[in-house]
Each structure stands twice: as structure tokens, then as C-alpha cells.
N, C-alpha and C. Protein backbone atom coordinates (compact mmCIF):
# COMPACT_ATOMS: atom_id res chain seq x y z
N MET A 1 32.85 4.19 4.45
CA MET A 1 32.68 3.46 3.21
C MET A 1 31.32 2.75 3.22
N TYR A 2 30.66 2.79 2.08
CA TYR A 2 29.34 2.18 1.92
C TYR A 2 29.45 0.66 1.98
N GLU A 3 28.65 0.06 2.85
CA GLU A 3 28.56 -1.40 2.93
C GLU A 3 27.09 -1.76 2.76
N ARG A 4 26.79 -2.42 1.65
CA ARG A 4 25.41 -2.73 1.30
C ARG A 4 24.67 -3.42 2.43
N GLU A 5 25.26 -4.43 3.04
CA GLU A 5 24.57 -5.21 4.08
C GLU A 5 24.29 -4.41 5.35
N GLN A 6 24.93 -3.25 5.49
CA GLN A 6 24.69 -2.38 6.63
C GLN A 6 23.81 -1.18 6.26
N SER A 7 23.45 -1.07 5.00
CA SER A 7 22.65 0.06 4.52
C SER A 7 21.17 -0.15 4.87
N LEU A 8 20.60 0.80 5.59
CA LEU A 8 19.19 0.68 5.95
C LEU A 8 18.30 0.66 4.71
N GLY A 9 18.63 1.51 3.72
CA GLY A 9 17.86 1.51 2.48
C GLY A 9 17.89 0.16 1.79
N TYR A 10 19.05 -0.46 1.73
CA TYR A 10 19.19 -1.78 1.11
C TYR A 10 18.37 -2.81 1.87
N LEU A 11 18.49 -2.82 3.19
CA LEU A 11 17.78 -3.81 4.00
C LEU A 11 16.26 -3.64 3.89
N ILE A 12 15.80 -2.41 3.93
CA ILE A 12 14.37 -2.14 3.80
C ILE A 12 13.89 -2.57 2.42
N ASN A 13 14.66 -2.27 1.39
CA ASN A 13 14.30 -2.67 0.03
C ASN A 13 14.23 -4.19 -0.09
N GLN A 14 15.18 -4.90 0.49
CA GLN A 14 15.17 -6.36 0.44
C GLN A 14 13.92 -6.92 1.13
N ALA A 15 13.61 -6.37 2.30
CA ALA A 15 12.42 -6.83 3.03
C ALA A 15 11.15 -6.56 2.21
N ALA A 16 11.06 -5.39 1.60
CA ALA A 16 9.88 -5.05 0.79
C ALA A 16 9.79 -5.95 -0.43
N ARG A 17 10.92 -6.20 -1.09
CA ARG A 17 10.94 -7.05 -2.28
C ARG A 17 10.47 -8.46 -1.94
N LEU A 18 10.95 -9.01 -0.84
CA LEU A 18 10.54 -10.36 -0.44
C LEU A 18 9.08 -10.40 -0.01
N THR A 19 8.61 -9.33 0.61
CA THR A 19 7.20 -9.26 0.98
C THR A 19 6.33 -9.24 -0.28
N HIS A 20 6.72 -8.48 -1.29
CA HIS A 20 5.98 -8.44 -2.55
C HIS A 20 5.98 -9.80 -3.23
N ARG A 21 7.11 -10.48 -3.22
CA ARG A 21 7.16 -11.83 -3.82
C ARG A 21 6.21 -12.77 -3.09
N SER A 22 6.17 -12.67 -1.79
CA SER A 22 5.29 -13.51 -0.99
C SER A 22 3.82 -13.24 -1.32
N ILE A 23 3.47 -11.96 -1.47
CA ILE A 23 2.10 -11.61 -1.83
C ILE A 23 1.75 -12.20 -3.18
N ARG A 24 2.64 -12.05 -4.14
CA ARG A 24 2.39 -12.61 -5.48
C ARG A 24 2.19 -14.11 -5.43
N LEU A 25 2.99 -14.80 -4.62
CA LEU A 25 2.87 -16.25 -4.51
C LEU A 25 1.55 -16.66 -3.87
N GLN A 26 1.15 -15.94 -2.83
CA GLN A 26 -0.04 -16.33 -2.08
C GLN A 26 -1.34 -15.81 -2.66
N LEU A 27 -1.32 -14.65 -3.30
CA LEU A 27 -2.57 -14.03 -3.74
C LEU A 27 -2.65 -13.82 -5.24
N GLY A 28 -1.58 -14.06 -5.96
CA GLY A 28 -1.54 -13.77 -7.38
C GLY A 28 -2.60 -14.47 -8.20
N GLY A 29 -3.02 -15.64 -7.78
CA GLY A 29 -4.05 -16.37 -8.51
C GLY A 29 -5.39 -15.67 -8.53
N ASP A 30 -5.61 -14.77 -7.60
CA ASP A 30 -6.86 -14.01 -7.53
C ASP A 30 -6.74 -12.65 -8.21
N GLY A 31 -5.62 -12.40 -8.86
CA GLY A 31 -5.43 -11.13 -9.55
C GLY A 31 -5.04 -9.99 -8.63
N VAL A 32 -4.63 -10.30 -7.41
CA VAL A 32 -4.24 -9.27 -6.46
C VAL A 32 -2.72 -9.08 -6.54
N LEU A 33 -2.31 -7.87 -6.86
CA LEU A 33 -0.90 -7.52 -6.89
C LEU A 33 -0.54 -6.76 -5.62
N PRO A 34 0.72 -6.79 -5.22
CA PRO A 34 1.11 -6.08 -3.99
C PRO A 34 0.68 -4.62 -3.98
N ALA A 35 0.76 -3.95 -5.11
CA ALA A 35 0.40 -2.53 -5.16
C ALA A 35 -1.09 -2.31 -4.88
N TYR A 36 -1.92 -3.33 -5.08
CA TYR A 36 -3.36 -3.19 -4.87
C TYR A 36 -3.75 -3.19 -3.39
N LEU A 37 -2.91 -3.77 -2.55
CA LEU A 37 -3.30 -3.98 -1.15
C LEU A 37 -3.69 -2.71 -0.40
N PRO A 38 -2.93 -1.62 -0.47
CA PRO A 38 -3.37 -0.43 0.29
C PRO A 38 -4.75 0.05 -0.13
N VAL A 39 -5.01 0.06 -1.43
CA VAL A 39 -6.31 0.51 -1.93
C VAL A 39 -7.41 -0.45 -1.47
N MET A 40 -7.18 -1.74 -1.62
CA MET A 40 -8.19 -2.72 -1.22
C MET A 40 -8.50 -2.63 0.27
N LEU A 41 -7.46 -2.50 1.08
CA LEU A 41 -7.69 -2.44 2.52
C LEU A 41 -8.46 -1.18 2.93
N TRP A 42 -8.14 -0.03 2.31
CA TRP A 42 -8.91 1.18 2.62
C TRP A 42 -10.35 1.06 2.16
N LEU A 43 -10.56 0.47 0.97
CA LEU A 43 -11.93 0.33 0.47
C LEU A 43 -12.74 -0.71 1.25
N LEU A 44 -12.07 -1.66 1.87
CA LEU A 44 -12.77 -2.59 2.76
C LEU A 44 -13.25 -1.87 4.02
N GLU A 45 -12.48 -0.89 4.46
CA GLU A 45 -12.84 -0.12 5.66
C GLU A 45 -13.84 0.99 5.36
N GLN A 46 -13.68 1.64 4.20
CA GLN A 46 -14.51 2.81 3.87
C GLN A 46 -14.99 2.68 2.44
N HIS A 47 -16.24 2.34 2.28
CA HIS A 47 -16.85 2.13 0.97
C HIS A 47 -17.04 3.46 0.25
N GLY A 48 -16.73 3.50 -1.03
CA GLY A 48 -17.06 4.66 -1.85
C GLY A 48 -16.16 5.86 -1.67
N LEU A 49 -14.87 5.66 -1.60
CA LEU A 49 -13.93 6.77 -1.49
C LEU A 49 -13.65 7.38 -2.86
N THR A 50 -13.18 8.62 -2.87
CA THR A 50 -12.76 9.24 -4.12
C THR A 50 -11.28 8.92 -4.35
N GLN A 51 -10.83 9.21 -5.57
CA GLN A 51 -9.42 9.00 -5.88
C GLN A 51 -8.56 9.87 -4.97
N ALA A 52 -8.97 11.11 -4.73
CA ALA A 52 -8.23 12.00 -3.85
C ALA A 52 -8.16 11.45 -2.43
N ASP A 53 -9.27 10.87 -1.96
CA ASP A 53 -9.27 10.24 -0.63
C ASP A 53 -8.23 9.13 -0.57
N LEU A 54 -8.23 8.27 -1.59
CA LEU A 54 -7.30 7.14 -1.62
C LEU A 54 -5.85 7.60 -1.69
N CYS A 55 -5.58 8.65 -2.45
CA CYS A 55 -4.21 9.20 -2.52
C CYS A 55 -3.75 9.62 -1.12
N ARG A 56 -4.61 10.34 -0.43
CA ARG A 56 -4.26 10.84 0.90
C ARG A 56 -4.10 9.70 1.90
N LEU A 57 -5.04 8.77 1.92
CA LEU A 57 -5.01 7.69 2.90
C LEU A 57 -3.88 6.70 2.66
N ALA A 58 -3.69 6.32 1.41
CA ALA A 58 -2.67 5.32 1.07
C ALA A 58 -1.30 5.94 0.85
N ARG A 59 -1.24 7.29 0.85
CA ARG A 59 0.02 8.01 0.65
C ARG A 59 0.66 7.64 -0.70
N ILE A 60 -0.18 7.69 -1.73
CA ILE A 60 0.26 7.40 -3.09
C ILE A 60 -0.01 8.64 -3.92
N GLU A 61 0.97 9.04 -4.72
CA GLU A 61 0.83 10.22 -5.57
C GLU A 61 -0.29 10.03 -6.59
N GLN A 62 -0.93 11.13 -6.97
CA GLN A 62 -2.10 11.09 -7.85
C GLN A 62 -1.85 10.36 -9.17
N PRO A 63 -0.75 10.64 -9.90
CA PRO A 63 -0.56 9.93 -11.17
C PRO A 63 -0.41 8.41 -10.98
N SER A 64 0.28 8.02 -9.92
CA SER A 64 0.45 6.59 -9.63
C SER A 64 -0.90 5.96 -9.25
N MET A 65 -1.68 6.70 -8.46
CA MET A 65 -3.00 6.19 -8.05
C MET A 65 -3.91 6.04 -9.26
N ALA A 66 -3.89 7.00 -10.17
CA ALA A 66 -4.73 6.92 -11.37
C ALA A 66 -4.41 5.66 -12.17
N GLU A 67 -3.14 5.38 -12.35
CA GLU A 67 -2.73 4.18 -13.09
C GLU A 67 -3.10 2.91 -12.33
N LEU A 68 -2.91 2.92 -11.04
CA LEU A 68 -3.24 1.78 -10.20
C LEU A 68 -4.74 1.47 -10.28
N LEU A 69 -5.57 2.50 -10.16
CA LEU A 69 -7.02 2.30 -10.22
C LEU A 69 -7.45 1.81 -11.60
N LYS A 70 -6.79 2.29 -12.64
CA LYS A 70 -7.10 1.83 -14.00
C LYS A 70 -6.82 0.32 -14.11
N ARG A 71 -5.70 -0.12 -13.56
CA ARG A 71 -5.37 -1.55 -13.61
C ARG A 71 -6.33 -2.37 -12.74
N MET A 72 -6.69 -1.85 -11.57
CA MET A 72 -7.62 -2.57 -10.70
C MET A 72 -8.99 -2.69 -11.34
N GLU A 73 -9.42 -1.64 -12.04
CA GLU A 73 -10.70 -1.69 -12.76
C GLU A 73 -10.63 -2.72 -13.87
N ARG A 74 -9.54 -2.71 -14.63
CA ARG A 74 -9.33 -3.68 -15.71
C ARG A 74 -9.37 -5.11 -15.16
N ASP A 75 -8.80 -5.31 -13.96
CA ASP A 75 -8.73 -6.64 -13.36
C ASP A 75 -10.01 -7.03 -12.61
N GLY A 76 -11.03 -6.19 -12.67
CA GLY A 76 -12.31 -6.51 -12.06
C GLY A 76 -12.35 -6.41 -10.55
N LEU A 77 -11.50 -5.56 -9.98
CA LEU A 77 -11.44 -5.43 -8.53
C LEU A 77 -12.17 -4.20 -7.99
N ILE A 78 -12.34 -3.17 -8.83
CA ILE A 78 -13.05 -1.96 -8.40
C ILE A 78 -14.06 -1.54 -9.47
N VAL A 79 -15.02 -0.74 -9.03
CA VAL A 79 -15.95 -0.07 -9.93
C VAL A 79 -15.99 1.40 -9.53
N ARG A 80 -16.24 2.24 -10.52
CA ARG A 80 -16.36 3.68 -10.28
C ARG A 80 -17.79 4.10 -10.60
N THR A 81 -18.34 4.91 -9.73
CA THR A 81 -19.67 5.47 -9.97
C THR A 81 -19.62 6.97 -9.71
N ARG A 82 -20.45 7.72 -10.43
CA ARG A 82 -20.50 9.18 -10.24
C ARG A 82 -21.03 9.49 -8.84
N ASP A 83 -20.42 10.47 -8.23
CA ASP A 83 -20.87 10.96 -6.93
C ASP A 83 -22.20 11.68 -7.14
N VAL A 84 -23.22 11.31 -6.37
CA VAL A 84 -24.53 11.93 -6.56
C VAL A 84 -24.54 13.41 -6.18
N ALA A 85 -23.71 13.80 -5.21
CA ALA A 85 -23.66 15.19 -4.77
C ALA A 85 -22.77 16.05 -5.67
N ASP A 86 -21.76 15.45 -6.25
CA ASP A 86 -20.82 16.19 -7.11
C ASP A 86 -20.53 15.33 -8.34
N ARG A 87 -21.27 15.55 -9.40
CA ARG A 87 -21.20 14.71 -10.61
C ARG A 87 -19.81 14.72 -11.26
N ARG A 88 -18.94 15.65 -10.87
CA ARG A 88 -17.58 15.69 -11.42
C ARG A 88 -16.69 14.60 -10.82
N GLN A 89 -17.07 14.12 -9.65
CA GLN A 89 -16.25 13.12 -8.95
C GLN A 89 -16.80 11.72 -9.12
N HIS A 90 -15.91 10.75 -9.00
CA HIS A 90 -16.30 9.35 -9.00
C HIS A 90 -16.04 8.77 -7.61
N ARG A 91 -16.92 7.89 -7.20
CA ARG A 91 -16.73 7.12 -5.97
C ARG A 91 -16.22 5.75 -6.40
N ILE A 92 -15.27 5.23 -5.65
CA ILE A 92 -14.64 3.96 -5.99
C ILE A 92 -15.02 2.94 -4.93
N ALA A 93 -15.40 1.77 -5.41
CA ALA A 93 -15.79 0.69 -4.50
C ALA A 93 -15.23 -0.63 -5.02
N LEU A 94 -15.05 -1.55 -4.11
CA LEU A 94 -14.62 -2.89 -4.49
C LEU A 94 -15.77 -3.65 -5.15
N THR A 95 -15.43 -4.48 -6.10
CA THR A 95 -16.43 -5.35 -6.72
C THR A 95 -16.78 -6.46 -5.74
N PRO A 96 -17.88 -7.17 -5.98
CA PRO A 96 -18.19 -8.32 -5.12
C PRO A 96 -17.04 -9.34 -5.08
N HIS A 97 -16.39 -9.55 -6.22
CA HIS A 97 -15.25 -10.48 -6.24
C HIS A 97 -14.15 -10.01 -5.29
N ALA A 98 -13.79 -8.73 -5.36
CA ALA A 98 -12.74 -8.20 -4.49
C ALA A 98 -13.16 -8.29 -3.03
N ARG A 99 -14.43 -7.97 -2.75
CA ARG A 99 -14.91 -8.07 -1.36
C ARG A 99 -14.85 -9.51 -0.85
N SER A 100 -15.07 -10.46 -1.75
CA SER A 100 -15.04 -11.87 -1.34
C SER A 100 -13.63 -12.30 -0.92
N LEU A 101 -12.63 -11.53 -1.30
CA LEU A 101 -11.24 -11.85 -0.94
C LEU A 101 -10.86 -11.29 0.43
N SER A 102 -11.75 -10.52 1.05
CA SER A 102 -11.46 -9.82 2.29
C SER A 102 -10.91 -10.75 3.38
N GLU A 103 -11.61 -11.81 3.65
CA GLU A 103 -11.18 -12.72 4.72
C GLU A 103 -9.82 -13.32 4.40
N ARG A 104 -9.64 -13.70 3.15
CA ARG A 104 -8.36 -14.27 2.73
C ARG A 104 -7.23 -13.25 2.84
N LEU A 105 -7.48 -12.01 2.45
CA LEU A 105 -6.46 -10.96 2.56
C LEU A 105 -6.05 -10.74 4.01
N HIS A 106 -7.03 -10.62 4.87
CA HIS A 106 -6.73 -10.39 6.28
C HIS A 106 -6.01 -11.58 6.90
N ARG A 107 -6.43 -12.78 6.56
CA ARG A 107 -5.76 -13.98 7.06
C ARG A 107 -4.32 -14.01 6.57
N TRP A 108 -4.11 -13.70 5.28
CA TRP A 108 -2.76 -13.69 4.75
C TRP A 108 -1.91 -12.65 5.45
N LEU A 109 -2.45 -11.45 5.67
CA LEU A 109 -1.69 -10.41 6.35
C LEU A 109 -1.28 -10.83 7.76
N GLU A 110 -2.19 -11.49 8.46
CA GLU A 110 -1.86 -11.99 9.81
C GLU A 110 -0.76 -13.04 9.74
N GLU A 111 -0.90 -14.00 8.81
CA GLU A 111 0.11 -15.04 8.66
C GLU A 111 1.45 -14.45 8.24
N SER A 112 1.41 -13.50 7.32
CA SER A 112 2.63 -12.86 6.85
C SER A 112 3.34 -12.14 7.98
N ASN A 113 2.59 -11.43 8.80
CA ASN A 113 3.19 -10.73 9.93
C ASN A 113 3.78 -11.70 10.94
N GLU A 114 3.14 -12.85 11.12
CA GLU A 114 3.70 -13.88 12.02
C GLU A 114 5.04 -14.38 11.49
N ILE A 115 5.12 -14.61 10.18
CA ILE A 115 6.39 -15.06 9.58
C ILE A 115 7.46 -13.99 9.76
N ILE A 116 7.11 -12.75 9.46
CA ILE A 116 8.06 -11.64 9.56
C ILE A 116 8.55 -11.46 10.99
N ARG A 117 7.64 -11.60 11.97
CA ARG A 117 8.00 -11.39 13.38
C ARG A 117 8.72 -12.58 14.00
N GLY A 118 8.73 -13.72 13.32
CA GLY A 118 9.27 -14.96 13.88
C GLY A 118 10.63 -14.79 14.53
N GLY A 119 10.74 -15.24 15.79
CA GLY A 119 12.01 -15.22 16.49
C GLY A 119 12.47 -13.87 17.00
N ILE A 120 11.67 -12.83 16.83
CA ILE A 120 12.06 -11.49 17.27
C ILE A 120 11.35 -11.20 18.60
N PRO A 121 12.11 -10.87 19.64
CA PRO A 121 11.50 -10.58 20.95
C PRO A 121 10.51 -9.41 20.85
N PRO A 122 9.39 -9.49 21.58
CA PRO A 122 8.38 -8.43 21.54
C PRO A 122 8.94 -7.02 21.80
N ASP A 123 9.87 -6.88 22.73
CA ASP A 123 10.45 -5.56 23.00
C ASP A 123 11.18 -5.02 21.77
N ASP A 124 11.85 -5.90 21.02
CA ASP A 124 12.54 -5.47 19.80
C ASP A 124 11.54 -5.02 18.74
N LEU A 125 10.39 -5.69 18.69
CA LEU A 125 9.37 -5.30 17.72
C LEU A 125 8.80 -3.92 18.04
N VAL A 126 8.63 -3.62 19.31
CA VAL A 126 8.15 -2.29 19.72
C VAL A 126 9.18 -1.25 19.31
N THR A 127 10.45 -1.53 19.57
CA THR A 127 11.51 -0.60 19.18
C THR A 127 11.55 -0.45 17.66
N PHE A 128 11.47 -1.56 16.94
CA PHE A 128 11.50 -1.50 15.48
C PHE A 128 10.35 -0.66 14.94
N SER A 129 9.15 -0.86 15.47
CA SER A 129 7.99 -0.09 15.00
C SER A 129 8.20 1.40 15.21
N ARG A 130 8.75 1.76 16.35
CA ARG A 130 9.03 3.17 16.64
C ARG A 130 10.09 3.70 15.68
N VAL A 131 11.15 2.95 15.47
CA VAL A 131 12.25 3.40 14.63
C VAL A 131 11.82 3.48 13.17
N ILE A 132 11.15 2.46 12.65
CA ILE A 132 10.73 2.49 11.24
C ILE A 132 9.71 3.61 11.03
N GLY A 133 8.87 3.87 12.03
CA GLY A 133 7.93 4.99 11.94
C GLY A 133 8.66 6.31 11.80
N GLN A 134 9.75 6.48 12.56
CA GLN A 134 10.54 7.70 12.46
C GLN A 134 11.24 7.78 11.11
N MET A 135 11.73 6.64 10.60
CA MET A 135 12.36 6.64 9.27
C MET A 135 11.38 7.06 8.20
N ILE A 136 10.16 6.55 8.28
CA ILE A 136 9.13 6.91 7.32
C ILE A 136 8.85 8.41 7.42
N ASN A 137 8.71 8.91 8.62
CA ASN A 137 8.49 10.34 8.81
C ASN A 137 9.64 11.16 8.23
N ASN A 138 10.87 10.72 8.47
CA ASN A 138 12.04 11.43 7.94
C ASN A 138 11.98 11.50 6.41
N MET A 139 11.66 10.38 5.77
CA MET A 139 11.64 10.35 4.31
C MET A 139 10.46 11.13 3.75
N GLU A 140 9.29 11.06 4.42
CA GLU A 140 8.15 11.86 3.96
C GLU A 140 8.47 13.35 4.04
N THR A 141 9.14 13.75 5.11
CA THR A 141 9.54 15.15 5.25
C THR A 141 10.51 15.55 4.15
N PHE A 142 11.49 14.70 3.89
CA PHE A 142 12.46 14.98 2.83
C PHE A 142 11.77 15.11 1.48
N VAL A 143 10.89 14.16 1.15
CA VAL A 143 10.20 14.19 -0.14
C VAL A 143 9.31 15.43 -0.23
N ARG A 144 8.60 15.74 0.84
CA ARG A 144 7.75 16.93 0.84
C ARG A 144 8.58 18.18 0.62
N ASP A 145 9.72 18.27 1.29
CA ASP A 145 10.54 19.48 1.22
C ASP A 145 11.38 19.58 -0.05
N HIS A 146 11.67 18.44 -0.68
CA HIS A 146 12.56 18.45 -1.84
C HIS A 146 11.95 17.83 -3.09
N GLY A 147 10.70 17.42 -3.01
CA GLY A 147 10.08 16.67 -4.09
C GLY A 147 9.49 17.52 -5.18
N ALA A 148 8.59 16.89 -5.93
CA ALA A 148 7.99 17.50 -7.13
C ALA A 148 7.24 18.79 -6.81
N ASP A 149 6.72 18.91 -5.59
CA ASP A 149 5.98 20.12 -5.25
C ASP A 149 6.86 21.36 -5.25
N ASN A 150 8.18 21.17 -5.16
CA ASN A 150 9.11 22.30 -5.17
C ASN A 150 9.78 22.47 -6.52
N GLY A 151 9.17 21.92 -7.55
CA GLY A 151 9.71 22.08 -8.89
C GLY A 151 10.70 21.01 -9.29
N ASN A 152 11.01 20.08 -8.39
CA ASN A 152 11.94 18.99 -8.71
C ASN A 152 11.16 17.81 -9.25
N LYS A 153 11.75 17.06 -10.14
CA LYS A 153 11.12 15.84 -10.64
C LYS A 153 11.45 14.71 -9.70
N GLU A 154 10.43 13.82 -9.46
CA GLU A 154 10.67 12.67 -8.59
C GLU A 154 11.32 11.56 -9.35
């Protein structure tokens, strides 16, 4: 019998929901939404990526990434410029305002991880990282094998 409090999907969803609320509380005043973080973090590491690069690195589907980038551009966090080698492509970079948030984002991520890890023995965290990594791999495999690429709608 299904028991919500024992459901891994439910527990993971609750943790993600609370993490998103925390991000909104701590960073929302700067126009940073939880969905923006993967893109911002990749662009802080690698300047001038293409949309396809960001989809692959952040593991976000192309239609979702297109909408996300449109919102980030509207919010003044990214700029797009034509690729000099391939004029059909755009390179995406963080604006000076978004770059100025870098230290704050990294500090928040460190603080957030400290809160999340609080009271959990280091050995349990190693086990959790291994297990959640396998869960992610399992779901990515399922989505790849049964998702939109095989004619199914997501």
C-alpha cells in the first residue's frame, strides 16, 4: 500500500520544494529564480555558451531552456550575441548585474548545503550522494527510453 511519507518521490519533491522556497526567500530580491541557478552557474564557469550547450550541461530540454533564457533576458540576467564563427548561433553570457551576484550565489549555496546537511553524519552523506546519484541515473534512463524521443509526450 502506498504511504506518502515513505515514498521516495514524495520526499524528494518536498526537499526540492523547500529548497526552491529558500532560494526565493534569499535571492528573490535580485530577480534570481530557482530555475535560473543551473544556467547562471554554468555561465559563471564557461562564458559564452550556446543554448544547445546549456541544454546539455544543465540537463534541461530545449523548449524549457528557450523559455527560461527568454525570461532571464527579460529580467536582465543574460545577453545574447551572434557567434562570430557561425552567425546562425547565439552565444549567451551573464550581464554585469548577474555576474555581480556570483559571490552571493556561491555563498548562499554553501550556506544552504550546510543547513541541508545539518545533523547528518558524514558517512550517511556519502551514502546519500551515491544513492541519489543512482536514482537520478535510473530516472534519466527511464525518461530517455520512454520519453518524447520515442514518440511519447512528456
